[in-house]
Amino acid sequence: MGNKSKDENMEYHGTCYCGTVEVVVTGRPTASGFCHCHSCRKWHSAPINAFSIWPKDKVKITGDLIASNKDPVSERMTCSKCGGCLANGKPTLNMVAVYSQTLADSGFKYVPDFHIFYDERVIDIADGLPKFNDLPETFGGSGNQVNEPERSGWV
């Protein structure tokens, strides 16, 4: 029981690429996962995005940010100096998805729970984690899952 209390108050401090913007998260994330949606792939210029999501009141971001609100469900945040991707506010959920590399040097241990928007993937990942066609029901999705691929590799 003592560990749970300690975990709830633990702070992890991360930064953007150049260190100008700081992100502080408190406690444990609600969930962690990999996103395969087209928007995340385009935003990160990568085939997959790793994130952990916290309640908005458990995330503090300081520094000069640029926030993109291209759509009403995402507020993607980058450093105005280096352009480093930091987080994605989710106003409809009152949560913030912090990218795993933002917290890479903080001591936070990233442990993914699932894959989301797996139907949009460009790479198969055979890792035994649940693969949701959109989102888990707890995050407003259908909860429908995609079968585990036989092996990892480009689609």
N, C-alpha and C. Protein backbone atom coordinates (compact mmCIF):
# COMPACT_ATOMS: atom_id res chain seq x y z
N MET A 1 0.81 -1.19 0.00
CA MET A 1 0.00 0.00 0.00
C MET A 1 0.86 1.26 0.00
N GLY A 2 1.98 1.24 0.70
CA GLY A 2 2.86 2.40 0.73
C GLY A 2 3.39 2.74 -0.65
N ASN A 3 3.66 1.74 -1.48
CA ASN A 3 4.15 1.97 -2.84
C ASN A 3 3.14 2.72 -3.69
N LYS A 4 1.85 2.37 -3.55
CA LYS A 4 0.82 3.01 -4.36
C LYS A 4 0.80 4.51 -4.08
N SER A 5 0.86 4.89 -2.80
CA SER A 5 0.86 6.30 -2.44
C SER A 5 2.09 7.00 -3.02
N LYS A 6 3.23 6.34 -2.93
CA LYS A 6 4.47 6.90 -3.48
C LYS A 6 4.34 7.10 -4.98
N ASP A 7 3.78 6.10 -5.69
CA ASP A 7 3.59 6.19 -7.14
C ASP A 7 2.68 7.35 -7.51
N GLU A 8 1.63 7.57 -6.72
CA GLU A 8 0.67 8.63 -7.02
C GLU A 8 1.27 10.02 -6.92
N ASN A 9 2.32 10.17 -6.11
CA ASN A 9 2.95 11.48 -5.90
C ASN A 9 4.27 11.64 -6.66
N MET A 10 4.71 10.59 -7.32
CA MET A 10 5.99 10.64 -8.04
C MET A 10 5.89 11.60 -9.22
N GLU A 11 6.89 12.44 -9.38
CA GLU A 11 6.94 13.36 -10.51
C GLU A 11 8.02 12.92 -11.49
N TYR A 12 7.71 13.07 -12.76
CA TYR A 12 8.67 12.79 -13.83
C TYR A 12 8.82 14.06 -14.65
N HIS A 13 10.06 14.49 -14.84
CA HIS A 13 10.36 15.73 -15.54
C HIS A 13 10.98 15.40 -16.89
N GLY A 14 10.36 15.87 -17.96
CA GLY A 14 10.88 15.68 -19.31
C GLY A 14 11.00 17.00 -20.03
N THR A 15 11.62 16.95 -21.18
CA THR A 15 11.80 18.18 -21.97
C THR A 15 11.64 17.88 -23.45
N CYS A 16 11.59 18.97 -24.21
CA CYS A 16 11.64 18.87 -25.66
C CYS A 16 13.08 18.55 -26.07
N TYR A 17 13.33 18.49 -27.35
CA TYR A 17 14.65 18.16 -27.90
C TYR A 17 15.74 19.12 -27.41
N CYS A 18 15.44 20.43 -27.39
CA CYS A 18 16.45 21.42 -27.01
C CYS A 18 16.44 21.75 -25.52
N GLY A 19 15.42 21.30 -24.79
CA GLY A 19 15.36 21.55 -23.36
C GLY A 19 14.64 22.83 -22.97
N THR A 20 14.11 23.58 -23.92
CA THR A 20 13.43 24.85 -23.64
C THR A 20 12.09 24.65 -22.95
N VAL A 21 11.36 23.62 -23.33
CA VAL A 21 10.04 23.35 -22.74
C VAL A 21 10.16 22.16 -21.80
N GLU A 22 9.57 22.32 -20.60
CA GLU A 22 9.57 21.23 -19.63
C GLU A 22 8.16 20.68 -19.46
N VAL A 23 8.09 19.37 -19.34
CA VAL A 23 6.83 18.68 -19.08
C VAL A 23 7.01 17.92 -17.77
N VAL A 24 6.10 18.14 -16.82
CA VAL A 24 6.12 17.43 -15.55
C VAL A 24 4.80 16.67 -15.42
N VAL A 25 4.91 15.36 -15.22
CA VAL A 25 3.72 14.54 -14.97
C VAL A 25 3.80 14.01 -13.55
N THR A 26 2.64 13.84 -12.93
CA THR A 26 2.59 13.36 -11.56
C THR A 26 1.81 12.06 -11.51
N GLY A 27 2.39 11.09 -10.82
CA GLY A 27 1.71 9.81 -10.63
C GLY A 27 1.89 8.88 -11.82
N ARG A 28 0.99 7.93 -11.88
CA ARG A 28 1.01 6.93 -12.94
C ARG A 28 0.06 7.33 -14.04
N PRO A 29 0.38 6.98 -15.29
CA PRO A 29 -0.56 7.29 -16.37
C PRO A 29 -1.81 6.43 -16.27
N THR A 30 -2.88 6.93 -16.88
CA THR A 30 -4.12 6.15 -16.97
C THR A 30 -3.90 4.95 -17.88
N ALA A 31 -3.11 5.15 -18.93
CA ALA A 31 -2.79 4.08 -19.88
C ALA A 31 -1.59 4.51 -20.71
N SER A 32 -0.96 3.54 -21.35
CA SER A 32 0.13 3.79 -22.29
C SER A 32 -0.10 2.93 -23.51
N GLY A 33 0.32 3.42 -24.66
CA GLY A 33 0.11 2.62 -25.85
C GLY A 33 0.86 3.13 -27.06
N PHE A 34 0.54 2.50 -28.16
CA PHE A 34 1.09 2.87 -29.46
C PHE A 34 -0.07 3.31 -30.35
N CYS A 35 0.09 4.44 -31.03
CA CYS A 35 -0.95 4.91 -31.93
C CYS A 35 -0.47 4.73 -33.38
N HIS A 36 -1.37 4.20 -34.21
CA HIS A 36 -1.07 3.95 -35.62
C HIS A 36 -1.87 4.86 -36.54
N CYS A 37 -2.58 5.86 -36.00
CA CYS A 37 -3.44 6.68 -36.86
C CYS A 37 -2.62 7.52 -37.85
N HIS A 38 -3.26 7.85 -38.94
CA HIS A 38 -2.61 8.64 -39.99
C HIS A 38 -2.12 9.98 -39.44
N SER A 39 -2.92 10.64 -38.61
CA SER A 39 -2.54 11.94 -38.06
C SER A 39 -1.27 11.85 -37.23
N CYS A 40 -1.16 10.88 -36.35
CA CYS A 40 0.06 10.72 -35.54
C CYS A 40 1.26 10.39 -36.42
N ARG A 41 1.05 9.51 -37.39
CA ARG A 41 2.16 9.16 -38.28
C ARG A 41 2.66 10.39 -39.02
N LYS A 42 1.73 11.19 -39.52
CA LYS A 42 2.10 12.40 -40.26
C LYS A 42 2.77 13.41 -39.32
N TRP A 43 2.19 13.63 -38.13
CA TRP A 43 2.72 14.59 -37.17
C TRP A 43 4.15 14.25 -36.77
N HIS A 44 4.41 12.98 -36.49
CA HIS A 44 5.73 12.55 -36.02
C HIS A 44 6.66 12.12 -37.15
N SER A 45 6.13 12.05 -38.36
CA SER A 45 6.91 11.55 -39.49
C SER A 45 7.54 10.20 -39.14
N ALA A 46 6.68 9.32 -38.62
CA ALA A 46 7.13 8.01 -38.15
C ALA A 46 5.99 7.01 -38.35
N PRO A 47 6.30 5.71 -38.41
CA PRO A 47 5.25 4.71 -38.65
C PRO A 47 4.37 4.42 -37.45
N ILE A 48 4.77 4.90 -36.26
CA ILE A 48 4.04 4.58 -35.03
C ILE A 48 4.39 5.64 -33.99
N ASN A 49 3.49 5.88 -33.03
CA ASN A 49 3.73 6.85 -31.97
C ASN A 49 3.50 6.19 -30.61
N ALA A 50 4.47 6.34 -29.71
CA ALA A 50 4.35 5.81 -28.35
C ALA A 50 3.93 6.94 -27.41
N PHE A 51 2.93 6.67 -26.56
CA PHE A 51 2.40 7.71 -25.67
C PHE A 51 1.97 7.10 -24.34
N SER A 52 1.85 7.97 -23.34
CA SER A 52 1.18 7.65 -22.08
C SER A 52 0.21 8.79 -21.83
N ILE A 53 -0.94 8.47 -21.25
CA ILE A 53 -1.97 9.49 -21.08
C ILE A 53 -2.30 9.68 -19.60
N TRP A 54 -2.32 10.95 -19.20
CA TRP A 54 -2.61 11.34 -17.81
C TRP A 54 -3.82 12.26 -17.78
N PRO A 55 -4.52 12.32 -16.62
CA PRO A 55 -5.53 13.37 -16.44
C PRO A 55 -4.85 14.73 -16.60
N LYS A 56 -5.56 15.68 -17.18
CA LYS A 56 -5.00 16.99 -17.48
C LYS A 56 -4.40 17.66 -16.24
N ASP A 57 -5.00 17.49 -15.08
CA ASP A 57 -4.49 18.14 -13.86
C ASP A 57 -3.22 17.49 -13.32
N LYS A 58 -2.76 16.41 -13.94
CA LYS A 58 -1.52 15.74 -13.53
C LYS A 58 -0.36 16.06 -14.48
N VAL A 59 -0.60 16.99 -15.43
CA VAL A 59 0.42 17.37 -16.41
C VAL A 59 0.63 18.88 -16.36
N LYS A 60 1.89 19.29 -16.24
CA LYS A 60 2.22 20.71 -16.26
C LYS A 60 3.28 20.92 -17.35
N ILE A 61 2.98 21.82 -18.28
CA ILE A 61 3.91 22.12 -19.38
C ILE A 61 4.26 23.59 -19.30
N THR A 62 5.58 23.87 -19.23
CA THR A 62 6.04 25.26 -19.16
C THR A 62 7.06 25.52 -20.26
N GLY A 63 7.00 26.72 -20.79
CA GLY A 63 7.90 27.11 -21.87
C GLY A 63 7.09 27.60 -23.05
N ASP A 64 7.79 28.03 -24.07
CA ASP A 64 7.15 28.63 -25.24
C ASP A 64 6.71 27.54 -26.20
N LEU A 65 5.39 27.34 -26.26
CA LEU A 65 4.79 26.27 -27.06
C LEU A 65 4.08 26.79 -28.30
N ILE A 66 3.95 25.90 -29.26
CA ILE A 66 3.03 26.09 -30.37
C ILE A 66 2.02 24.97 -30.24
N ALA A 67 0.74 25.32 -30.25
CA ALA A 67 -0.31 24.31 -30.15
C ALA A 67 -1.10 24.29 -31.45
N SER A 68 -1.23 23.09 -32.00
CA SER A 68 -2.01 22.90 -33.21
C SER A 68 -3.37 22.35 -32.83
N ASN A 69 -4.41 23.01 -33.25
CA ASN A 69 -5.76 22.50 -32.98
C ASN A 69 -6.48 22.27 -34.30
N LYS A 70 -5.84 21.49 -35.16
CA LYS A 70 -6.39 21.18 -36.48
C LYS A 70 -7.77 20.52 -36.37
N ASP A 71 -7.95 19.72 -35.32
CA ASP A 71 -9.25 19.09 -35.11
C ASP A 71 -9.63 19.24 -33.63
N PRO A 72 -10.91 19.13 -33.30
CA PRO A 72 -11.36 19.42 -31.93
C PRO A 72 -10.96 18.38 -30.88
N VAL A 73 -10.45 17.22 -31.28
CA VAL A 73 -10.10 16.18 -30.31
C VAL A 73 -8.61 16.15 -29.97
N SER A 74 -7.80 16.93 -30.68
CA SER A 74 -6.36 16.92 -30.44
C SER A 74 -5.79 18.33 -30.43
N GLU A 75 -4.94 18.58 -29.44
CA GLU A 75 -4.19 19.83 -29.37
C GLU A 75 -2.72 19.44 -29.26
N ARG A 76 -2.09 19.26 -30.40
CA ARG A 76 -0.70 18.79 -30.45
C ARG A 76 0.24 19.94 -30.10
N MET A 77 1.16 19.68 -29.17
CA MET A 77 2.04 20.71 -28.64
C MET A 77 3.49 20.45 -29.01
N THR A 78 4.14 21.52 -29.50
CA THR A 78 5.56 21.44 -29.85
C THR A 78 6.28 22.64 -29.26
N CYS A 79 7.59 22.50 -29.14
CA CYS A 79 8.44 23.60 -28.69
C CYS A 79 8.54 24.63 -29.82
N SER A 80 8.40 25.92 -29.49
CA SER A 80 8.48 26.95 -30.53
C SER A 80 9.91 27.16 -31.01
N LYS A 81 10.90 26.70 -30.25
CA LYS A 81 12.30 26.89 -30.64
C LYS A 81 12.83 25.73 -31.51
N CYS A 82 12.68 24.49 -31.02
CA CYS A 82 13.26 23.35 -31.75
C CYS A 82 12.23 22.56 -32.55
N GLY A 83 10.95 22.80 -32.29
CA GLY A 83 9.90 22.06 -32.99
C GLY A 83 9.66 20.67 -32.44
N GLY A 84 10.32 20.32 -31.34
CA GLY A 84 10.17 19.00 -30.76
C GLY A 84 8.75 18.73 -30.30
N CYS A 85 8.22 17.57 -30.70
CA CYS A 85 6.87 17.15 -30.29
C CYS A 85 6.90 16.75 -28.82
N LEU A 86 5.91 17.21 -28.06
CA LEU A 86 5.88 16.99 -26.62
C LEU A 86 4.67 16.20 -26.15
N ALA A 87 3.49 16.66 -26.55
CA ALA A 87 2.26 16.10 -25.99
C ALA A 87 1.09 16.41 -26.91
N ASN A 88 -0.04 15.79 -26.56
CA ASN A 88 -1.27 15.97 -27.33
C ASN A 88 -2.42 16.09 -26.34
N GLY A 89 -2.94 17.32 -26.18
CA GLY A 89 -4.08 17.52 -25.31
C GLY A 89 -5.32 16.89 -25.91
N LYS A 90 -6.10 16.27 -25.07
CA LYS A 90 -7.35 15.62 -25.48
C LYS A 90 -8.50 16.27 -24.72
N PRO A 91 -8.99 17.44 -25.20
CA PRO A 91 -9.99 18.20 -24.46
C PRO A 91 -11.29 17.44 -24.18
N THR A 92 -11.72 16.59 -25.09
CA THR A 92 -12.98 15.87 -24.87
C THR A 92 -12.84 14.81 -23.77
N LEU A 93 -11.61 14.40 -23.48
CA LEU A 93 -11.35 13.42 -22.42
C LEU A 93 -10.80 14.07 -21.16
N ASN A 94 -10.45 15.37 -21.22
CA ASN A 94 -9.81 16.09 -20.13
C ASN A 94 -8.50 15.40 -19.72
N MET A 95 -7.75 14.98 -20.75
CA MET A 95 -6.49 14.27 -20.54
C MET A 95 -5.42 14.83 -21.47
N VAL A 96 -4.17 14.42 -21.20
CA VAL A 96 -3.04 14.81 -22.04
C VAL A 96 -2.20 13.57 -22.32
N ALA A 97 -1.99 13.30 -23.61
CA ALA A 97 -1.10 12.21 -24.01
C ALA A 97 0.30 12.79 -24.14
N VAL A 98 1.23 12.28 -23.34
CA VAL A 98 2.61 12.74 -23.37
C VAL A 98 3.41 11.69 -24.14
N TYR A 99 4.19 12.14 -25.10
CA TYR A 99 4.96 11.22 -25.93
C TYR A 99 6.09 10.59 -25.12
N SER A 100 6.33 9.32 -25.33
CA SER A 100 7.27 8.58 -24.49
C SER A 100 8.67 9.20 -24.51
N GLN A 101 9.10 9.72 -25.63
CA GLN A 101 10.45 10.29 -25.70
C GLN A 101 10.56 11.61 -24.95
N THR A 102 9.44 12.28 -24.70
CA THR A 102 9.46 13.50 -23.89
C THR A 102 9.95 13.17 -22.49
N LEU A 103 9.60 11.98 -21.99
CA LEU A 103 9.95 11.56 -20.63
C LEU A 103 11.13 10.58 -20.60
N ALA A 104 11.83 10.44 -21.71
CA ALA A 104 12.86 9.40 -21.85
C ALA A 104 13.95 9.46 -20.78
N ASP A 105 14.35 10.63 -20.34
CA ASP A 105 15.44 10.75 -19.37
C ASP A 105 14.94 11.06 -17.96
N SER A 106 13.66 10.81 -17.71
CA SER A 106 13.04 11.20 -16.44
C SER A 106 12.99 10.09 -15.40
N GLY A 107 13.27 8.87 -15.79
CA GLY A 107 13.11 7.74 -14.88
C GLY A 107 11.76 7.06 -15.04
N PHE A 108 10.87 7.65 -15.84
CA PHE A 108 9.57 7.04 -16.09
C PHE A 108 9.76 5.79 -16.94
N LYS A 109 9.15 4.69 -16.51
CA LYS A 109 9.25 3.44 -17.26
C LYS A 109 8.01 3.29 -18.13
N TYR A 110 8.23 3.41 -19.43
CA TYR A 110 7.13 3.28 -20.39
C TYR A 110 6.80 1.80 -20.58
N VAL A 111 5.56 1.44 -20.27
CA VAL A 111 5.08 0.06 -20.45
C VAL A 111 3.75 0.15 -21.19
N PRO A 112 3.73 -0.20 -22.48
CA PRO A 112 2.51 -0.07 -23.27
C PRO A 112 1.44 -1.09 -22.87
N ASP A 113 0.18 -0.64 -22.96
CA ASP A 113 -0.96 -1.49 -22.65
C ASP A 113 -1.66 -2.03 -23.89
N PHE A 114 -1.60 -1.26 -25.01
CA PHE A 114 -2.36 -1.63 -26.20
C PHE A 114 -1.90 -0.80 -27.40
N HIS A 115 -2.45 -1.15 -28.56
CA HIS A 115 -2.28 -0.38 -29.81
C HIS A 115 -3.64 0.23 -30.15
N ILE A 116 -3.64 1.46 -30.67
CA ILE A 116 -4.90 2.08 -31.10
C ILE A 116 -4.82 2.45 -32.58
N PHE A 117 -5.99 2.54 -33.19
CA PHE A 117 -6.14 2.82 -34.62
C PHE A 117 -5.29 1.86 -35.46
N TYR A 118 -5.31 0.59 -35.04
CA TYR A 118 -4.48 -0.42 -35.69
C TYR A 118 -4.89 -0.68 -37.14
N ASP A 119 -6.15 -0.43 -37.48
CA ASP A 119 -6.60 -0.60 -38.87
C ASP A 119 -5.89 0.37 -39.82
N GLU A 120 -5.33 1.46 -39.28
CA GLU A 120 -4.64 2.46 -40.11
C GLU A 120 -3.14 2.19 -40.20
N ARG A 121 -2.67 1.12 -39.62
CA ARG A 121 -1.23 0.85 -39.51
C ARG A 121 -0.53 0.72 -40.86
N VAL A 122 0.76 0.99 -40.83
CA VAL A 122 1.64 0.74 -41.97
C VAL A 122 2.69 -0.31 -41.62
N ILE A 123 2.68 -0.74 -40.34
CA ILE A 123 3.59 -1.77 -39.89
C ILE A 123 2.85 -2.68 -38.91
N ASP A 124 3.01 -3.99 -39.09
CA ASP A 124 2.44 -4.96 -38.16
C ASP A 124 3.38 -5.12 -36.97
N ILE A 125 2.80 -5.25 -35.79
CA ILE A 125 3.59 -5.47 -34.59
C ILE A 125 3.02 -6.70 -33.89
N ALA A 126 3.80 -7.76 -33.82
CA ALA A 126 3.39 -8.99 -33.14
C ALA A 126 4.00 -8.98 -31.74
N ASP A 127 3.28 -8.39 -30.78
CA ASP A 127 3.82 -8.24 -29.43
C ASP A 127 2.87 -8.75 -28.34
N GLY A 128 1.72 -9.31 -28.73
CA GLY A 128 0.78 -9.85 -27.76
C GLY A 128 -0.13 -8.83 -27.10
N LEU A 129 0.05 -7.54 -27.41
CA LEU A 129 -0.82 -6.51 -26.83
C LEU A 129 -2.13 -6.43 -27.59
N PRO A 130 -3.22 -6.02 -26.93
CA PRO A 130 -4.48 -5.82 -27.65
C PRO A 130 -4.31 -4.75 -28.73
N LYS A 131 -4.97 -4.96 -29.86
CA LYS A 131 -4.89 -4.04 -31.00
C LYS A 131 -6.31 -3.60 -31.34
N PHE A 132 -6.59 -2.35 -31.02
CA PHE A 132 -7.93 -1.81 -31.23
C PHE A 132 -8.05 -1.20 -32.60
N ASN A 133 -9.19 -1.48 -33.24
CA ASN A 133 -9.44 -0.92 -34.57
C ASN A 133 -9.56 0.60 -34.47
N ASP A 134 -10.07 1.12 -33.34
CA ASP A 134 -10.06 2.56 -33.07
C ASP A 134 -9.53 2.77 -31.65
N LEU A 135 -10.42 2.92 -30.68
CA LEU A 135 -10.02 3.13 -29.28
C LEU A 135 -10.71 2.13 -28.37
N PRO A 136 -10.13 1.88 -27.18
CA PRO A 136 -10.86 1.10 -26.18
C PRO A 136 -12.14 1.85 -25.78
N GLU A 137 -13.13 1.13 -25.33
CA GLU A 137 -14.40 1.75 -24.92
C GLU A 137 -14.19 2.80 -23.84
N THR A 138 -13.25 2.57 -22.91
CA THR A 138 -13.01 3.50 -21.81
C THR A 138 -12.53 4.87 -22.30
N PHE A 139 -12.07 4.94 -23.54
CA PHE A 139 -11.62 6.20 -24.13
C PHE A 139 -12.56 6.67 -25.24
N GLY A 140 -13.78 6.14 -25.25
CA GLY A 140 -14.80 6.59 -26.21
C GLY A 140 -14.81 5.86 -27.54
N GLY A 141 -14.06 4.77 -27.65
CA GLY A 141 -14.02 4.01 -28.90
C GLY A 141 -15.02 2.85 -28.91
N SER A 142 -14.94 2.08 -29.97
CA SER A 142 -15.84 0.93 -30.11
C SER A 142 -15.39 -0.25 -29.26
N GLY A 143 -14.11 -0.30 -28.94
CA GLY A 143 -13.57 -1.45 -28.22
C GLY A 143 -13.29 -2.64 -29.11
N ASN A 144 -13.60 -2.53 -30.41
CA ASN A 144 -13.35 -3.63 -31.35
C ASN A 144 -11.85 -3.83 -31.54
N GLN A 145 -11.45 -5.11 -31.52
CA GLN A 145 -10.04 -5.43 -31.66
C GLN A 145 -9.72 -6.10 -32.98
N VAL A 146 -8.48 -5.96 -33.40
CA VAL A 146 -7.94 -6.55 -34.61
C VAL A 146 -7.11 -7.75 -34.18
N ASN A 147 -7.10 -8.81 -34.99
CA ASN A 147 -6.32 -10.00 -34.66
C ASN A 147 -4.82 -9.70 -34.67
N GLU A 148 -4.11 -10.40 -33.81
CA GLU A 148 -2.65 -10.31 -33.73
C GLU A 148 -2.04 -10.80 -35.05
N PRO A 149 -1.11 -10.05 -35.64
CA PRO A 149 -0.46 -10.55 -36.86
C PRO A 149 0.48 -11.72 -36.52
N GLU A 150 0.81 -12.51 -37.53
CA GLU A 150 1.70 -13.65 -37.31
C GLU A 150 3.13 -13.20 -37.02
N ARG A 151 3.52 -12.08 -37.59
CA ARG A 151 4.88 -11.57 -37.37
C ARG A 151 4.90 -10.05 -37.56
N SER A 152 5.94 -9.43 -37.08
CA SER A 152 6.11 -8.00 -37.26
C SER A 152 6.71 -7.71 -38.62
N GLY A 153 6.37 -6.56 -39.17
CA GLY A 153 6.93 -6.16 -40.46
C GLY A 153 6.03 -5.17 -41.18
N TRP A 154 6.56 -4.56 -42.22
CA TRP A 154 5.80 -3.58 -42.99
C TRP A 154 4.59 -4.23 -43.63
N VAL A 155 3.49 -3.49 -43.65
CA VAL A 155 2.24 -3.97 -44.23
C VAL A 155 2.34 -3.89 -45.74
